[in-house]
Amino acid sequence: MKKISVSLSGHQTSISLEPEFIAELKHIAKKNDTSIASIISSIDERRAPNTNLSSAIRVWILNHIRDNK
């Protein structure tokens, strides 16, 4: 697991993800000319109230890959 830090709603947040998910998140951000923080912020705003942010990010990445085959 690796930790990345992002600012969400003005607060620094650390997120633990496997290196493979971080690499894919960076790839998606670069491909879409956006930042990792922007993607994570969007995921955070849309996730269900009791859903862990790291889990929501993993599911979002999986769905992104499936939708863009």
N, C-alpha and C. Protein backbone atom coordinates (compact mmCIF):
# COMPACT_ATOMS: atom_id res chain seq x y z
N MET A 1 0.84 -1.17 0.00
CA MET A 1 0.00 0.00 0.00
C MET A 1 0.89 1.24 0.00
N LYS A 2 0.42 2.23 -0.72
CA LYS A 2 1.10 3.52 -0.73
C LYS A 2 0.08 4.58 -0.34
N LYS A 3 0.55 5.63 0.27
CA LYS A 3 -0.33 6.74 0.63
C LYS A 3 -0.09 7.90 -0.32
N ILE A 4 -1.20 8.52 -0.71
CA ILE A 4 -1.11 9.77 -1.45
C ILE A 4 -1.91 10.80 -0.67
N SER A 5 -1.49 12.03 -0.75
CA SER A 5 -2.18 13.12 -0.06
C SER A 5 -2.82 14.03 -1.08
N VAL A 6 -4.07 14.39 -0.83
CA VAL A 6 -4.80 15.33 -1.68
C VAL A 6 -5.60 16.27 -0.79
N SER A 7 -5.96 17.39 -1.35
CA SER A 7 -6.80 18.34 -0.64
C SER A 7 -8.24 18.16 -1.11
N LEU A 8 -9.13 17.85 -0.19
CA LEU A 8 -10.56 17.69 -0.49
C LEU A 8 -11.34 18.69 0.34
N SER A 9 -12.05 19.55 -0.33
CA SER A 9 -12.84 20.57 0.34
C SER A 9 -11.98 21.39 1.31
N GLY A 10 -10.76 21.66 0.90
CA GLY A 10 -9.87 22.48 1.71
C GLY A 10 -9.15 21.75 2.83
N HIS A 11 -9.31 20.43 2.92
CA HIS A 11 -8.67 19.66 3.97
C HIS A 11 -7.74 18.62 3.36
N GLN A 12 -6.51 18.53 3.90
CA GLN A 12 -5.57 17.51 3.44
C GLN A 12 -6.08 16.14 3.88
N THR A 13 -6.06 15.20 2.95
CA THR A 13 -6.52 13.84 3.21
C THR A 13 -5.50 12.86 2.66
N SER A 14 -5.17 11.84 3.43
CA SER A 14 -4.29 10.78 2.96
C SER A 14 -5.13 9.58 2.56
N ILE A 15 -4.79 9.02 1.42
CA ILE A 15 -5.53 7.88 0.90
C ILE A 15 -4.53 6.75 0.66
N SER A 16 -4.86 5.57 1.14
CA SER A 16 -3.99 4.40 0.93
C SER A 16 -4.55 3.56 -0.21
N LEU A 17 -3.69 3.34 -1.20
CA LEU A 17 -4.05 2.53 -2.36
C LEU A 17 -2.86 1.67 -2.76
N GLU A 18 -3.14 0.57 -3.41
CA GLU A 18 -2.08 -0.24 -3.97
C GLU A 18 -1.38 0.55 -5.07
N PRO A 19 -0.08 0.33 -5.25
CA PRO A 19 0.67 1.07 -6.27
C PRO A 19 0.05 0.97 -7.68
N GLU A 20 -0.54 -0.18 -7.98
CA GLU A 20 -1.16 -0.37 -9.30
C GLU A 20 -2.34 0.58 -9.51
N PHE A 21 -3.12 0.80 -8.46
CA PHE A 21 -4.25 1.73 -8.57
C PHE A 21 -3.76 3.17 -8.68
N ILE A 22 -2.70 3.50 -7.96
CA ILE A 22 -2.15 4.85 -8.06
C ILE A 22 -1.62 5.09 -9.47
N ALA A 23 -0.93 4.10 -10.02
CA ALA A 23 -0.39 4.23 -11.37
C ALA A 23 -1.53 4.41 -12.38
N GLU A 24 -2.60 3.66 -12.23
CA GLU A 24 -3.73 3.77 -13.16
C GLU A 24 -4.42 5.12 -12.99
N LEU A 25 -4.54 5.58 -11.78
CA LEU A 25 -5.14 6.89 -11.52
C LEU A 25 -4.32 7.99 -12.19
N LYS A 26 -3.00 7.91 -12.08
CA LYS A 26 -2.13 8.88 -12.75
C LYS A 26 -2.28 8.81 -14.26
N HIS A 27 -2.37 7.60 -14.79
CA HIS A 27 -2.55 7.40 -16.24
C HIS A 27 -3.86 8.03 -16.71
N ILE A 28 -4.93 7.80 -15.99
CA ILE A 28 -6.25 8.34 -16.35
C ILE A 28 -6.21 9.87 -16.29
N ALA A 29 -5.60 10.41 -15.24
CA ALA A 29 -5.52 11.87 -15.10
C ALA A 29 -4.75 12.48 -16.26
N LYS A 30 -3.63 11.88 -16.60
CA LYS A 30 -2.81 12.40 -17.70
C LYS A 30 -3.56 12.31 -19.03
N LYS A 31 -4.18 11.17 -19.26
CA LYS A 31 -4.93 10.95 -20.51
C LYS A 31 -6.07 11.95 -20.66
N ASN A 32 -6.68 12.34 -19.55
CA ASN A 32 -7.82 13.26 -19.58
C ASN A 32 -7.43 14.70 -19.27
N ASP A 33 -6.13 14.95 -19.22
CA ASP A 33 -5.60 16.29 -18.98
C ASP A 33 -6.23 16.94 -17.74
N THR A 34 -6.22 16.20 -16.65
CA THR A 34 -6.77 16.67 -15.38
C THR A 34 -5.84 16.23 -14.26
N SER A 35 -6.15 16.60 -13.05
CA SER A 35 -5.31 16.22 -11.91
C SER A 35 -5.92 15.05 -11.15
N ILE A 36 -5.05 14.35 -10.45
CA ILE A 36 -5.51 13.27 -9.58
C ILE A 36 -6.46 13.82 -8.53
N ALA A 37 -6.12 14.97 -7.97
CA ALA A 37 -6.97 15.60 -6.95
C ALA A 37 -8.36 15.89 -7.48
N SER A 38 -8.45 16.32 -8.72
CA SER A 38 -9.75 16.61 -9.33
C SER A 38 -10.59 15.34 -9.46
N ILE A 39 -9.96 14.27 -9.90
CA ILE A 39 -10.68 13.00 -10.04
C ILE A 39 -11.14 12.51 -8.67
N ILE A 40 -10.24 12.54 -7.69
CA ILE A 40 -10.60 12.07 -6.35
C ILE A 40 -11.70 12.93 -5.74
N SER A 41 -11.63 14.22 -5.95
CA SER A 41 -12.67 15.12 -5.44
C SER A 41 -14.03 14.76 -6.04
N SER A 42 -14.06 14.48 -7.33
CA SER A 42 -15.30 14.09 -8.00
C SER A 42 -15.85 12.78 -7.43
N ILE A 43 -14.95 11.82 -7.22
CA ILE A 43 -15.36 10.53 -6.64
C ILE A 43 -15.89 10.75 -5.23
N ASP A 44 -15.21 11.57 -4.46
CA ASP A 44 -15.61 11.86 -3.08
C ASP A 44 -17.01 12.47 -3.03
N GLU A 45 -17.29 13.39 -3.93
CA GLU A 45 -18.60 14.06 -3.94
C GLU A 45 -19.73 13.10 -4.30
N ARG A 46 -19.44 12.06 -5.06
CA ARG A 46 -20.48 11.16 -5.55
C ARG A 46 -20.63 9.86 -4.76
N ARG A 47 -19.69 9.58 -3.87
CA ARG A 47 -19.74 8.29 -3.17
C ARG A 47 -20.85 8.26 -2.13
N ALA A 48 -21.32 7.05 -1.86
CA ALA A 48 -22.36 6.85 -0.84
C ALA A 48 -21.79 7.24 0.53
N PRO A 49 -22.63 7.72 1.42
CA PRO A 49 -22.19 8.22 2.73
C PRO A 49 -21.32 7.25 3.54
N ASN A 50 -21.60 5.98 3.50
CA ASN A 50 -20.85 5.02 4.32
C ASN A 50 -19.79 4.26 3.53
N THR A 51 -19.43 4.77 2.36
CA THR A 51 -18.43 4.10 1.53
C THR A 51 -17.06 4.68 1.80
N ASN A 52 -16.10 3.83 2.03
CA ASN A 52 -14.71 4.22 2.23
C ASN A 52 -14.18 4.85 0.95
N LEU A 53 -13.47 5.97 1.06
CA LEU A 53 -12.98 6.68 -0.12
C LEU A 53 -12.02 5.83 -0.94
N SER A 54 -11.12 5.12 -0.29
CA SER A 54 -10.18 4.27 -1.04
C SER A 54 -10.93 3.21 -1.84
N SER A 55 -11.95 2.62 -1.25
CA SER A 55 -12.76 1.62 -1.96
C SER A 55 -13.51 2.26 -3.13
N ALA A 56 -14.04 3.44 -2.91
CA ALA A 56 -14.76 4.15 -3.97
C ALA A 56 -13.83 4.46 -5.14
N ILE A 57 -12.59 4.80 -4.85
CA ILE A 57 -11.61 5.08 -5.90
C ILE A 57 -11.31 3.82 -6.68
N ARG A 58 -11.11 2.71 -6.00
CA ARG A 58 -10.83 1.44 -6.69
C ARG A 58 -11.97 1.06 -7.63
N VAL A 59 -13.19 1.17 -7.14
CA VAL A 59 -14.35 0.82 -7.96
C VAL A 59 -14.47 1.78 -9.14
N TRP A 60 -14.22 3.07 -8.92
CA TRP A 60 -14.28 4.06 -10.00
C TRP A 60 -13.27 3.72 -11.09
N ILE A 61 -12.03 3.37 -10.68
CA ILE A 61 -11.00 3.01 -11.65
C ILE A 61 -11.41 1.77 -12.44
N LEU A 62 -11.90 0.77 -11.75
CA LEU A 62 -12.37 -0.45 -12.43
C LEU A 62 -13.46 -0.12 -13.45
N ASN A 63 -14.44 0.67 -13.04
CA ASN A 63 -15.52 1.04 -13.96
C ASN A 63 -15.00 1.87 -15.12
N HIS A 64 -14.06 2.76 -14.85
CA HIS A 64 -13.48 3.60 -15.91
C HIS A 64 -12.80 2.71 -16.96
N ILE A 65 -12.04 1.73 -16.50
CA ILE A 65 -11.38 0.82 -17.43
C ILE A 65 -12.40 0.02 -18.23
N ARG A 66 -13.40 -0.50 -17.57
CA ARG A 66 -14.45 -1.28 -18.27
C ARG A 66 -15.18 -0.41 -19.31
N ASP A 67 -15.48 0.83 -18.95
CA ASP A 67 -16.23 1.71 -19.84
C ASP A 67 -15.42 2.21 -21.02
N ASN A 68 -14.09 2.13 -20.93
CA ASN A 68 -13.23 2.68 -21.97
C ASN A 68 -12.44 1.62 -22.70
N LYS A 69 -12.98 0.43 -22.78
CA LYS A 69 -12.31 -0.66 -23.53
C LYS A 69 -12.44 -0.43 -25.00
